[in-house]
Amino acid sequence: FPVTILTPQELEAVLKDPLFSEVTHIGITGGEPTLREDLPQLYQAAINALPHIKGLSIITNAIKNEDVIARIDKVIQVVQGNGKHFSMMVSLDGYGVSTTKSEGGMVILSLPFL
């Protein structure tokens, strides 16, 4: 199936549906959302569309930490500039994972993060 990636304008139109009128928190996830150059505009679209929004969040794997930091800084400016709360979660699954044979296959993570 072809993948359709919503533009900020399309996201705003979807979120203006009365179904979402009482939403107070929204999270943007992926794939990896920080790969999107229009990430700050997605957050602005959500803020514009959701009259009761109080908080917005993101889940990132933070692998390309310089890109992640740059995009998250812009998102924070948008979110806090609109008087809303922002939170970020880092997913630790799958990058740089190796297993050892001792102690029952303990997982060791090697992660170059923020």
C-alpha atoms as a PDB file:
ATOM      1  CA  PHE A   1       0.000   0.000   0.000  1.00  0.00           C
ATOM      2  CA  PRO A   2       1.276   3.499  -0.723  1.00  0.00           C
ATOM      3  CA  VAL A   3       2.131   5.598   2.317  1.00  0.00           C
ATOM      4  CA  THR A   4       0.401   8.955   2.632  1.00  0.00           C
ATOM      5  CA  ILE A   5       2.195  11.535   4.729  1.00  0.00           C
ATOM      6  CA  LEU A   6      -0.086  14.255   6.032  1.00  0.00           C
ATOM      7  CA  THR A   7       0.894  17.847   5.435  1.00  0.00           C
ATOM      8  CA  PRO A   8       0.441  20.302   8.307  1.00  0.00           C
ATOM      9  CA  GLN A   9      -2.625  21.702   6.513  1.00  0.00           C
ATOM     10  CA  GLU A  10      -4.153  18.221   6.183  1.00  0.00           C
ATOM     11  CA  LEU A  11      -3.430  17.430   9.839  1.00  0.00           C
ATOM     12  CA  GLU A  12      -5.108  20.658  10.901  1.00  0.00           C
ATOM     13  CA  ALA A  13      -8.174  19.851   8.775  1.00  0.00           C
ATOM     14  CA  VAL A  14      -8.426  16.347  10.262  1.00  0.00           C
ATOM     15  CA  LEU A  15      -8.050  17.592  13.836  1.00  0.00           C
ATOM     16  CA  LYS A  16     -10.778  20.225  13.348  1.00  0.00           C
ATOM     17  CA  ASP A  17     -13.330  17.421  13.142  1.00  0.00           C
ATOM     18  CA  PRO A  18     -15.714  17.680  16.126  1.00  0.00           C
ATOM     19  CA  LEU A  19     -14.550  14.204  17.166  1.00  0.00           C
ATOM     20  CA  PHE A  20     -11.306  15.806  18.407  1.00  0.00           C
ATOM     21  CA  SER A  21     -12.804  18.964  19.939  1.00  0.00           C
ATOM     22  CA  GLU A  22     -12.084  17.935  23.546  1.00  0.00           C
ATOM     23  CA  VAL A  23      -8.537  16.618  23.033  1.00  0.00           C
ATOM     24  CA  THR A  24      -6.144  18.068  25.627  1.00  0.00           C
ATOM     25  CA  HIS A  25      -2.925  16.276  24.680  1.00  0.00           C
ATOM     26  CA  ILE A  26      -1.480  15.014  21.422  1.00  0.00           C
ATOM     27  CA  GLY A  27       1.715  13.131  20.681  1.00  0.00           C
ATOM     28  CA  ILE A  28       3.495  12.962  17.352  1.00  0.00           C
ATOM     29  CA  THR A  29       5.299   9.703  16.720  1.00  0.00           C
ATOM     30  CA  GLY A  30       6.627   7.941  13.655  1.00  0.00           C
ATOM     31  CA  GLY A  31       8.582   6.263  12.022  1.00  0.00           C
ATOM     32  CA  GLU A  32      10.973   8.900  13.218  1.00  0.00           C
ATOM     33  CA  PRO A  33       9.138  12.244  13.356  1.00  0.00           C
ATOM     34  CA  THR A  34      12.298  14.355  13.639  1.00  0.00           C
ATOM     35  CA  LEU A  35      13.130  13.430  10.038  1.00  0.00           C
ATOM     36  CA  ARG A  36      10.333  15.750   8.937  1.00  0.00           C
ATOM     37  CA  GLU A  37      11.473  19.252   8.059  1.00  0.00           C
ATOM     38  CA  ASP A  38       7.925  20.496   8.645  1.00  0.00           C
ATOM     39  CA  LEU A  39       7.783  19.143  12.206  1.00  0.00           C
ATOM     40  CA  PRO A  40       7.274  22.567  13.865  1.00  0.00           C
ATOM     41  CA  GLN A  41       4.428  23.269  11.438  1.00  0.00           C
ATOM     42  CA  LEU A  42       2.739  19.989  12.456  1.00  0.00           C
ATOM     43  CA  TYR A  43       2.725  21.153  16.067  1.00  0.00           C
ATOM     44  CA  GLN A  44       1.379  24.560  15.061  1.00  0.00           C
ATOM     45  CA  ALA A  45      -1.368  22.835  13.055  1.00  0.00           C
ATOM     46  CA  ALA A  46      -2.383  20.767  16.099  1.00  0.00           C
ATOM     47  CA  ILE A  47      -2.436  23.867  18.302  1.00  0.00           C
ATOM     48  CA  ASN A  48      -4.524  25.757  15.728  1.00  0.00           C
ATOM     49  CA  ALA A  49      -7.037  22.924  15.382  1.00  0.00           C
ATOM     50  CA  LEU A  50      -7.501  21.826  18.997  1.00  0.00           C
ATOM     51  CA  PRO A  51      -9.150  24.489  21.158  1.00  0.00           C
ATOM     52  CA  HIS A  52      -8.554  22.643  24.467  1.00  0.00           C
ATOM     53  CA  ILE A  53      -4.981  21.461  23.830  1.00  0.00           C
ATOM     54  CA  LYS A  54      -2.748  21.813  26.889  1.00  0.00           C
ATOM     55  CA  GLY A  55       0.218  19.565  26.085  1.00  0.00           C
ATOM     56  CA  LEU A  56       2.039  18.155  23.108  1.00  0.00           C
ATOM     57  CA  SER A  57       4.708  15.473  22.984  1.00  0.00           C
ATOM     58  CA  ILE A  58       7.019  13.516  20.718  1.00  0.00           C
ATOM     59  CA  ILE A  59       8.611  10.084  20.743  1.00  0.00           C
ATOM     60  CA  THR A  60      12.027   9.963  19.055  1.00  0.00           C
ATOM     61  CA  ASN A  61      14.852   7.464  18.832  1.00  0.00           C
ATOM     62  CA  ALA A  62      17.293  10.422  18.873  1.00  0.00           C
ATOM     63  CA  ILE A  63      19.788   8.606  16.673  1.00  0.00           C
ATOM     64  CA  LYS A  64      20.717  11.659  14.580  1.00  0.00           C
ATOM     65  CA  ASN A  65      21.113  13.740  17.699  1.00  0.00           C
ATOM     66  CA  GLU A  66      22.176  16.990  15.996  1.00  0.00           C
ATOM     67  CA  ASP A  67      19.115  16.903  13.722  1.00  0.00           C
ATOM     68  CA  VAL A  68      16.879  15.911  16.621  1.00  0.00           C
ATOM     69  CA  ILE A  69      18.123  18.774  18.783  1.00  0.00           C
ATOM     70  CA  ALA A  70      17.655  21.319  15.990  1.00  0.00           C
ATOM     71  CA  ARG A  71      14.117  20.182  15.179  1.00  0.00           C
ATOM     72  CA  ILE A  72      13.052  19.786  18.804  1.00  0.00           C
ATOM     73  CA  ASP A  73      14.337  23.294  19.594  1.00  0.00           C
ATOM     74  CA  LYS A  74      12.066  24.664  16.843  1.00  0.00           C
ATOM     75  CA  VAL A  75       9.121  22.604  18.090  1.00  0.00           C
ATOM     76  CA  ILE A  76       9.663  23.875  21.640  1.00  0.00           C
ATOM     77  CA  GLN A  77       9.620  27.471  20.357  1.00  0.00           C
ATOM     78  CA  VAL A  78       6.269  26.849  18.650  1.00  0.00           C
ATOM     79  CA  VAL A  79       4.682  24.967  21.545  1.00  0.00           C
ATOM     80  CA  GLN A  80       5.892  27.216  24.362  1.00  0.00           C
ATOM     81  CA  GLY A  81       5.293  30.299  22.214  1.00  0.00           C
ATOM     82  CA  ASN A  82       1.634  29.272  22.249  1.00  0.00           C
ATOM     83  CA  GLY A  83       1.655  28.775  26.022  1.00  0.00           C
ATOM     84  CA  LYS A  84       1.453  24.966  25.877  1.00  0.00           C
ATOM     85  CA  HIS A  85       3.441  22.221  27.618  1.00  0.00           C
ATOM     86  CA  PHE A  86       5.911  20.049  25.663  1.00  0.00           C
ATOM     87  CA  SER A  87       7.402  16.685  26.589  1.00  0.00           C
ATOM     88  CA  MET A  88       9.751  14.301  24.808  1.00  0.00           C
ATOM     89  CA  MET A  89      10.236  10.573  25.173  1.00  0.00           C
ATOM     90  CA  VAL A  90      13.224   8.677  23.801  1.00  0.00           C
ATOM     91  CA  SER A  91      12.640   5.187  22.474  1.00  0.00           C
ATOM     92  CA  LEU A  92      15.509   2.850  23.284  1.00  0.00           C
ATOM     93  CA  ASP A  93      14.508  -0.093  21.127  1.00  0.00           C
ATOM     94  CA  GLY A  94      16.802  -1.600  18.563  1.00  0.00           C
ATOM     95  CA  TYR A  95      19.729   0.747  17.946  1.00  0.00           C
ATOM     96  CA  GLY A  96      23.191  -0.565  18.727  1.00  0.00           C
ATOM     97  CA  VAL A  97      21.812  -3.581  20.563  1.00  0.00           C
ATOM     98  CA  SER A  98      24.006  -6.586  21.151  1.00  0.00           C
ATOM     99  CA  THR A  99      23.318  -9.575  23.361  1.00  0.00           C
ATOM    100  CA  THR A 100      25.793 -11.465  25.451  1.00  0.00           C
ATOM    101  CA  LYS A 101      25.698 -15.188  26.133  1.00  0.00           C
ATOM    102  CA  SER A 102      26.384 -14.814  29.835  1.00  0.00           C
ATOM    103  CA  GLU A 103      23.752 -14.135  32.481  1.00  0.00           C
ATOM    104  CA  GLY A 104      20.834 -15.268  30.315  1.00  0.00           C
ATOM    105  CA  GLY A 105      21.402 -13.043  27.284  1.00  0.00           C
ATOM    106  CA  MET A 106      21.587  -9.647  28.946  1.00  0.00           C
ATOM    107  CA  VAL A 107      20.971  -6.801  26.474  1.00  0.00           C
ATOM    108  CA  ILE A 108      23.616  -4.110  26.221  1.00  0.00           C
ATOM    109  CA  LEU A 109      22.713  -0.800  24.598  1.00  0.00           C
ATOM    110  CA  SER A 110      25.234   1.478  22.983  1.00  0.00           C
ATOM    111  CA  LEU A 111      23.385   4.722  22.276  1.00  0.00           C
ATOM    112  CA  PRO A 112      24.797   8.051  21.084  1.00  0.00           C
ATOM    113  CA  PHE A 113      22.023  10.317  22.411  1.00  0.00           C
ATOM    114  CA  LEU A 114      21.332  13.939  23.125  1.00  0.00           C
END
